[in-house]
PDB file of all heavy atoms in Angstrom:
ATOM      1  N   GLY A   1       0.795  -1.260   0.094  1.00  0.00           N
ATOM      2  CA  GLY A   1      -0.046   0.012   0.035  1.00  0.00           C
ATOM      3  C   GLY A   1       0.791   1.293   0.067  1.00  0.00           C
ATOM      4  O   GLY A   1       0.485   2.223  -0.741  1.00  0.00           O
ATOM      5  N   ILE A   2       1.967   1.266   0.742  1.00  0.00           N
ATOM      6  CA  ILE A   2       2.794   2.408   0.840  1.00  0.00           C
ATOM      7  C   ILE A   2       3.421   2.670  -0.553  1.00  0.00           C
ATOM      8  O   ILE A   2       3.556   3.876  -1.030  1.00  0.00           O
ATOM      9  CB  ILE A   2       3.815   2.179   1.902  1.00  0.00           C
ATOM     10  CG1 ILE A   2       3.442   2.153   3.255  1.00  0.00           C
ATOM     11  CG2 ILE A   2       5.041   3.259   1.777  1.00  0.00           C
ATOM     12  CD1 ILE A   2       4.210   1.820   4.386  1.00  0.00           C
ATOM     13  N   THR A   3       3.824   1.533  -1.135  1.00  0.00           N
ATOM     14  CA  THR A   3       4.481   1.671  -2.496  1.00  0.00           C
ATOM     15  C   THR A   3       3.590   2.428  -3.500  1.00  0.00           C
ATOM     16  O   THR A   3       3.967   3.161  -4.361  1.00  0.00           O
ATOM     17  CB  THR A   3       4.993   0.280  -2.902  1.00  0.00           C
ATOM     18  OG1 THR A   3       5.818  -0.208  -2.073  1.00  0.00           O
ATOM     19  CG2 THR A   3       5.662   0.369  -4.278  1.00  0.00           C
ATOM     20  N   ARG A   4       2.250   1.823  -3.467  1.00  0.00           N
ATOM     21  CA  ARG A   4       1.327   2.580  -4.438  1.00  0.00           C
ATOM     22  C   ARG A   4       1.178   3.951  -4.153  1.00  0.00           C
ATOM     23  O   ARG A   4       1.109   4.822  -5.020  1.00  0.00           O
ATOM     24  CB  ARG A   4      -0.035   1.698  -4.223  1.00  0.00           C
ATOM     25  CG  ARG A   4      -0.049   0.372  -4.943  1.00  0.00           C
ATOM     26  CD  ARG A   4      -1.248  -0.472  -4.550  1.00  0.00           C
ATOM     27  NE  ARG A   4      -1.241  -1.739  -5.150  1.00  0.00           N
ATOM     28  CZ  ARG A   4      -1.652  -2.155  -6.363  1.00  0.00           C
ATOM     29  NH1 ARG A   4      -2.225  -1.323  -7.154  1.00  0.00           N
ATOM     30  NH2 ARG A   4      -1.506  -3.492  -6.833  1.00  0.00           N
ATOM     31  N   VAL A   5       1.006   4.343  -2.873  1.00  0.00           N
ATOM     32  CA  VAL A   5       0.803   5.739  -2.541  1.00  0.00           C
ATOM     33  C   VAL A   5       1.868   6.627  -2.878  1.00  0.00           C
ATOM     34  O   VAL A   5       1.678   7.697  -3.296  1.00  0.00           O
ATOM     35  CB  VAL A   5       0.402   5.774  -1.010  1.00  0.00           C
ATOM     36  CG1 VAL A   5       0.620   7.147  -0.487  1.00  0.00           C
ATOM     37  CG2 VAL A   5      -0.916   5.118  -0.657  1.00  0.00           C
ATOM     38  N   ILE A   6       3.171   6.235  -2.641  1.00  0.00           N
ATOM     39  CA  ILE A   6       4.279   7.075  -2.944  1.00  0.00           C
ATOM     40  C   ILE A   6       4.230   7.352  -4.382  1.00  0.00           C
ATOM     41  O   ILE A   6       4.549   8.562  -4.712  1.00  0.00           O
ATOM     42  CB  ILE A   6       5.543   6.122  -2.877  1.00  0.00           C
ATOM     43  CG1 ILE A   6       5.990   6.025  -1.362  1.00  0.00           C
ATOM     44  CG2 ILE A   6       6.766   6.754  -3.664  1.00  0.00           C
ATOM     45  CD1 ILE A   6       7.054   4.976  -1.078  1.00  0.00           C
ATOM     46  N   ASN A   7       3.796   6.574  -5.295  1.00  0.00           N
ATOM     47  CA  ASN A   7       3.713   6.970  -6.814  1.00  0.00           C
ATOM     48  C   ASN A   7       2.545   7.787  -7.142  1.00  0.00           C
ATOM     49  O   ASN A   7       2.330   8.087  -8.351  1.00  0.00           O
ATOM     50  CB  ASN A   7       3.824   5.771  -7.621  1.00  0.00           C
ATOM     51  CG  ASN A   7       5.095   4.948  -7.456  1.00  0.00           C
ATOM     52  OD1 ASN A   7       6.207   5.518  -7.360  1.00  0.00           O
ATOM     53  ND2 ASN A   7       5.034   3.742  -7.464  1.00  0.00           N
ATOM     54  N   HIS A   8       1.668   8.041  -6.204  1.00  0.00           N
ATOM     55  CA  HIS A   8       0.425   8.875  -6.493  1.00  0.00           C
ATOM     56  C   HIS A   8       0.239   9.992  -5.367  1.00  0.00           C
ATOM     57  O   HIS A   8      -0.542   9.804  -4.528  1.00  0.00           O
ATOM     58  CB  HIS A   8      -0.917   8.003  -6.506  1.00  0.00           C
ATOM     59  CG  HIS A   8      -0.847   6.886  -7.676  1.00  0.00           C
ATOM     60  ND1 HIS A   8      -0.128   5.833  -7.724  1.00  0.00           N
ATOM     61  CD2 HIS A   8      -1.336   7.024  -8.810  1.00  0.00           C
ATOM     62  CE1 HIS A   8      -0.282   5.072  -8.795  1.00  0.00           C
ATOM     63  NE2 HIS A   8      -1.025   5.818  -9.587  1.00  0.00           N
ATOM     64  N   PRO A   9       1.055  11.030  -5.679  1.00  0.00           N
ATOM     65  CA  PRO A   9       0.887  12.223  -4.641  1.00  0.00           C
ATOM     66  C   PRO A   9      -0.526  12.751  -4.454  1.00  0.00           C
ATOM     67  O   PRO A   9      -1.305  12.721  -5.482  1.00  0.00           O
ATOM     68  CB  PRO A   9       1.723  13.115  -5.260  1.00  0.00           C
ATOM     69  CG  PRO A   9       2.873  12.571  -6.049  1.00  0.00           C
ATOM     70  CD  PRO A   9       1.993  11.425  -6.596  1.00  0.00           C
ATOM     71  N   ALA A  10      -0.940  13.207  -3.316  1.00  0.00           N
ATOM     72  CA  ALA A  10      -2.226  13.587  -3.164  1.00  0.00           C
ATOM     73  C   ALA A  10      -2.463  14.815  -4.027  1.00  0.00           C
ATOM     74  O   ALA A  10      -1.516  15.582  -4.297  1.00  0.00           O
ATOM     75  CB  ALA A  10      -2.360  14.008  -1.619  1.00  0.00           C
ATOM     76  N   GLU A  11      -3.707  14.892  -4.428  1.00  0.00           N
ATOM     77  CA  GLU A  11      -4.108  16.045  -5.241  1.00  0.00           C
ATOM     78  C   GLU A  11      -5.384  16.785  -4.597  1.00  0.00           C
ATOM     79  O   GLU A  11      -6.095  16.249  -3.832  1.00  0.00           O
ATOM     80  CB  GLU A  11      -4.452  15.533  -6.725  1.00  0.00           C
ATOM     81  CG  GLU A  11      -3.335  14.940  -7.442  1.00  0.00           C
ATOM     82  CD  GLU A  11      -3.803  14.496  -8.787  1.00  0.00           C
ATOM     83  OE1 GLU A  11      -4.961  14.515  -9.037  1.00  0.00           O
ATOM     84  OE2 GLU A  11      -2.871  14.184  -9.471  1.00  0.00           O
ATOM     85  N   PRO A  12      -5.542  18.039  -4.917  1.00  0.00           N
ATOM     86  CA  PRO A  12      -6.645  18.727  -4.471  1.00  0.00           C
ATOM     87  C   PRO A  12      -8.017  18.033  -4.793  1.00  0.00           C
ATOM     88  O   PRO A  12      -8.069  17.527  -5.998  1.00  0.00           O
ATOM     89  CB  PRO A  12      -6.566  20.068  -5.073  1.00  0.00           C
ATOM     90  CG  PRO A  12      -5.263  20.225  -5.349  1.00  0.00           C
ATOM     91  CD  PRO A  12      -4.828  19.060  -5.779  1.00  0.00           C
ATOM     92  N   ASN A  13      -9.058  17.978  -4.098  1.00  0.00           N
ATOM     93  CA  ASN A  13     -10.321  17.438  -4.420  1.00  0.00           C
ATOM     94  C   ASN A  13     -11.278  18.477  -5.080  1.00  0.00           C
ATOM     95  O   ASN A  13     -11.646  19.493  -4.380  1.00  0.00           O
ATOM     96  CB  ASN A  13     -11.072  16.774  -3.200  1.00  0.00           C
ATOM     97  CG  ASN A  13     -12.371  16.326  -3.469  1.00  0.00           C
ATOM     98  OD1 ASN A  13     -12.843  16.337  -4.654  1.00  0.00           O
ATOM     99  ND2 ASN A  13     -13.106  15.891  -2.386  1.00  0.00           N
ATOM    100  N   PRO A  14     -11.478  18.545  -6.366  1.00  0.00           N
ATOM    101  CA  PRO A  14     -12.140  19.634  -7.022  1.00  0.00           C
ATOM    102  C   PRO A  14     -13.605  19.692  -6.552  1.00  0.00           C
ATOM    103  O   PRO A  14     -14.358  20.795  -6.763  1.00  0.00           O
ATOM    104  CB  PRO A  14     -12.155  19.250  -8.453  1.00  0.00           C
ATOM    105  CG  PRO A  14     -11.917  17.666  -8.517  1.00  0.00           C
ATOM    106  CD  PRO A  14     -11.093  17.489  -7.313  1.00  0.00           C
ATOM    107  N   ASN A  15     -14.180  18.550  -5.842  1.00  0.00           N
ATOM    108  CA  ASN A  15     -15.440  18.626  -5.502  1.00  0.00           C
ATOM    109  C   ASN A  15     -15.730  18.881  -4.039  1.00  0.00           C
ATOM    110  O   ASN A  15     -16.814  18.822  -3.361  1.00  0.00           O
ATOM    111  CB  ASN A  15     -16.238  17.251  -5.760  1.00  0.00           C
ATOM    112  CG  ASN A  15     -16.170  17.044  -7.286  1.00  0.00           C
ATOM    113  OD1 ASN A  15     -16.523  17.812  -8.149  1.00  0.00           O
ATOM    114  ND2 ASN A  15     -15.697  15.759  -7.805  1.00  0.00           N
ATOM    115  N   TRP A  16     -14.666  19.246  -3.390  1.00  0.00           N
ATOM    116  CA  TRP A  16     -14.540  19.492  -1.907  1.00  0.00           C
ATOM    117  C   TRP A  16     -15.603  20.632  -1.648  1.00  0.00           C
ATOM    118  O   TRP A  16     -15.553  21.692  -2.162  1.00  0.00           O
ATOM    119  CB  TRP A  16     -13.106  19.815  -1.358  1.00  0.00           C
ATOM    120  CG  TRP A  16     -13.049  19.620   0.056  1.00  0.00           C
ATOM    121  CD1 TRP A  16     -12.834  18.571   0.849  1.00  0.00           C
ATOM    122  CD2 TRP A  16     -13.080  20.703   1.087  1.00  0.00           C
ATOM    123  NE1 TRP A  16     -12.738  18.827   2.086  1.00  0.00           N
ATOM    124  CE2 TRP A  16     -12.937  20.092   2.339  1.00  0.00           C
ATOM    125  CE3 TRP A  16     -13.293  22.124   0.992  1.00  0.00           C
ATOM    126  CZ2 TRP A  16     -12.893  20.916   3.437  1.00  0.00           C
ATOM    127  CZ3 TRP A  16     -13.233  22.833   2.219  1.00  0.00           C
ATOM    128  CH2 TRP A  16     -13.069  22.222   3.518  1.00  0.00           C
ATOM    129  N   ASP A  17     -16.379  20.532  -0.561  1.00  0.00           N
ATOM    130  CA  ASP A  17     -17.369  21.428  -0.200  1.00  0.00           C
ATOM    131  C   ASP A  17     -17.292  21.961   1.186  1.00  0.00           C
ATOM    132  O   ASP A  17     -17.387  21.102   2.172  1.00  0.00           O
ATOM    133  CB  ASP A  17     -18.757  20.678  -0.233  1.00  0.00           C
ATOM    134  CG  ASP A  17     -20.047  21.596   0.062  1.00  0.00           C
ATOM    135  OD1 ASP A  17     -19.750  22.755   0.414  1.00  0.00           O
ATOM    136  OD2 ASP A  17     -21.123  21.082   0.036  1.00  0.00           O
ATOM    137  N   ALA A  18     -16.998  23.228   1.297  1.00  0.00           N
ATOM    138  CA  ALA A  18     -16.597  23.753   2.631  1.00  0.00           C
ATOM    139  C   ALA A  18     -17.714  23.850   3.542  1.00  0.00           C
ATOM    140  O   ALA A  18     -17.583  23.972   4.786  1.00  0.00           O
ATOM    141  CB  ALA A  18     -16.027  25.247   2.382  1.00  0.00           C
ATOM    142  N   THR A  19     -18.972  23.763   2.935  1.00  0.00           N
ATOM    143  CA  THR A  19     -20.135  23.757   3.866  1.00  0.00           C
ATOM    144  C   THR A  19     -20.380  22.307   4.473  1.00  0.00           C
ATOM    145  O   THR A  19     -21.180  22.150   5.480  1.00  0.00           O
ATOM    146  CB  THR A  19     -21.425  24.227   3.100  1.00  0.00           C
ATOM    147  OG1 THR A  19     -21.732  23.269   1.940  1.00  0.00           O
ATOM    148  CG2 THR A  19     -21.253  25.535   2.581  1.00  0.00           C
ATOM    149  N   HIS A  20     -19.808  21.263   3.770  1.00  0.00           N
ATOM    150  CA  HIS A  20     -20.013  19.789   4.214  1.00  0.00           C
ATOM    151  C   HIS A  20     -18.441  19.136   4.118  1.00  0.00           C
ATOM    152  O   HIS A  20     -18.343  18.270   3.246  1.00  0.00           O
ATOM    153  CB  HIS A  20     -20.958  19.058   3.403  1.00  0.00           C
ATOM    154  CG  HIS A  20     -22.326  19.509   3.628  1.00  0.00           C
ATOM    155  ND1 HIS A  20     -22.902  20.507   2.767  1.00  0.00           N
ATOM    156  CD2 HIS A  20     -23.299  19.252   4.430  1.00  0.00           C
ATOM    157  CE1 HIS A  20     -24.099  20.809   3.180  1.00  0.00           C
ATOM    158  NE2 HIS A  20     -24.416  20.105   4.185  1.00  0.00           N
ATOM    159  N   PRO A  21     -17.605  19.728   4.874  1.00  0.00           N
ATOM    160  CA  PRO A  21     -16.132  19.340   4.653  1.00  0.00           C
ATOM    161  C   PRO A  21     -15.802  17.784   4.924  1.00  0.00           C
ATOM    162  O   PRO A  21     -16.312  17.195   5.802  1.00  0.00           O
ATOM    163  CB  PRO A  21     -15.426  20.198   5.719  1.00  0.00           C
ATOM    164  CG  PRO A  21     -16.422  20.417   6.832  1.00  0.00           C
ATOM    165  CD  PRO A  21     -17.703  20.547   6.077  1.00  0.00           C
ATOM    166  N   ASP A  22     -15.164  17.206   3.889  1.00  0.00           N
ATOM    167  CA  ASP A  22     -14.784  15.999   3.936  1.00  0.00           C
ATOM    168  C   ASP A  22     -13.532  15.804   4.659  1.00  0.00           C
ATOM    169  O   ASP A  22     -12.463  16.307   4.179  1.00  0.00           O
ATOM    170  CB  ASP A  22     -14.692  15.223   2.451  1.00  0.00           C
ATOM    171  CG  ASP A  22     -14.014  13.898   2.407  1.00  0.00           C
ATOM    172  OD1 ASP A  22     -13.961  13.260   3.556  1.00  0.00           O
ATOM    173  OD2 ASP A  22     -13.686  13.468   1.313  1.00  0.00           O
ATOM    174  N   PRO A  23     -13.326  15.113   5.848  1.00  0.00           N
ATOM    175  CA  PRO A  23     -12.088  15.136   6.590  1.00  0.00           C
ATOM    176  C   PRO A  23     -10.926  14.415   5.824  1.00  0.00           C
ATOM    177  O   PRO A  23      -9.793  14.602   6.161  1.00  0.00           O
ATOM    178  CB  PRO A  23     -12.441  14.346   7.888  1.00  0.00           C
ATOM    179  CG  PRO A  23     -13.889  14.339   7.993  1.00  0.00           C
ATOM    180  CD  PRO A  23     -14.474  14.478   6.512  1.00  0.00           C
ATOM    181  N   ALA A  24     -11.235  13.574   4.837  1.00  0.00           N
ATOM    182  CA  ALA A  24     -10.150  12.799   4.135  1.00  0.00           C
ATOM    183  C   ALA A  24      -9.596  13.479   2.965  1.00  0.00           C
ATOM    184  O   ALA A  24      -8.512  13.081   2.472  1.00  0.00           O
ATOM    185  CB  ALA A  24     -10.788  11.504   3.758  1.00  0.00           C
ATOM    186  N   THR A  25     -10.144  14.646   2.601  1.00  0.00           N
ATOM    187  CA  THR A  25      -9.579  15.236   1.438  1.00  0.00           C
ATOM    188  C   THR A  25      -9.694  16.870   1.674  1.00  0.00           C
ATOM    189  O   THR A  25     -10.077  17.157   2.656  1.00  0.00           O
ATOM    190  CB  THR A  25     -10.463  15.096   0.019  1.00  0.00           C
ATOM    191  OG1 THR A  25     -11.746  15.537   0.351  1.00  0.00           O
ATOM    192  CG2 THR A  25     -10.447  13.528  -0.145  1.00  0.00           C
ATOM    193  N   SER A  26      -9.276  17.631   0.535  1.00  0.00           N
ATOM    194  CA  SER A  26      -9.332  18.966   0.716  1.00  0.00           C
ATOM    195  C   SER A  26      -9.197  19.832  -0.552  1.00  0.00           C
ATOM    196  O   SER A  26      -9.007  19.106  -1.511  1.00  0.00           O
ATOM    197  CB  SER A  26      -8.035  19.384   1.705  1.00  0.00           C
ATOM    198  OG  SER A  26      -7.972  20.816   1.812  1.00  0.00           O
ATOM    199  N   THR A  27      -9.317  21.060  -0.541  1.00  0.00           N
ATOM    200  CA  THR A  27      -9.055  21.919  -1.672  1.00  0.00           C
ATOM    201  C   THR A  27      -7.449  21.901  -1.823  1.00  0.00           C
ATOM    202  O   THR A  27      -6.922  22.317  -2.908  1.00  0.00           O
ATOM    203  CB  THR A  27      -9.353  23.346  -1.509  1.00  0.00           C
ATOM    204  OG1 THR A  27      -8.802  23.875  -0.288  1.00  0.00           O
ATOM    205  CG2 THR A  27     -11.011  23.356  -1.469  1.00  0.00           C
ATOM    206  N   ALA A  28      -6.684  21.380  -0.820  1.00  0.00           N
ATOM    207  CA  ALA A  28      -5.224  21.323  -1.038  1.00  0.00           C
ATOM    208  C   ALA A  28      -4.784  20.003  -1.304  1.00  0.00           C
ATOM    209  O   ALA A  28      -5.682  19.117  -1.368  1.00  0.00           O
ATOM    210  CB  ALA A  28      -4.561  21.683   0.446  1.00  0.00           C
ATOM    211  N   PRO A  29      -3.618  19.713  -1.669  1.00  0.00           N
ATOM    212  CA  PRO A  29      -3.064  18.302  -2.041  1.00  0.00           C
ATOM    213  C   PRO A  29      -2.824  17.572  -0.753  1.00  0.00           C
ATOM    214  O   PRO A  29      -1.747  17.274  -0.331  1.00  0.00           O
ATOM    215  CB  PRO A  29      -1.769  18.583  -2.867  1.00  0.00           C
ATOM    216  CG  PRO A  29      -1.317  19.874  -2.270  1.00  0.00           C
ATOM    217  CD  PRO A  29      -2.461  20.621  -1.969  1.00  0.00           C
ATOM    218  N   PHE A  30      -3.969  17.113  -0.278  1.00  0.00           N
ATOM    219  CA  PHE A  30      -4.034  16.357   1.058  1.00  0.00           C
ATOM    220  C   PHE A  30      -4.991  15.243   0.999  1.00  0.00           C
ATOM    221  O   PHE A  30      -6.141  15.281   0.420  1.00  0.00           O
ATOM    222  CB  PHE A  30      -4.612  17.419   2.106  1.00  0.00           C
ATOM    223  CG  PHE A  30      -4.893  16.737   3.409  1.00  0.00           C
ATOM    224  CD1 PHE A  30      -4.029  16.571   4.476  1.00  0.00           C
ATOM    225  CD2 PHE A  30      -6.364  16.406   3.704  1.00  0.00           C
ATOM    226  CE1 PHE A  30      -4.377  15.985   5.718  1.00  0.00           C
ATOM    227  CE2 PHE A  30      -6.636  15.880   4.930  1.00  0.00           C
ATOM    228  CZ  PHE A  30      -5.734  15.742   5.889  1.00  0.00           C
TER     229      PHE A  30
END
């Protein structure tokens, strides 16, 4: 799992909703 993640850096979630914030994603690369 770590190996797969290394090769896929986090990206911003274009559908992230600040009024219903998803803890697992963000407008940032998180």
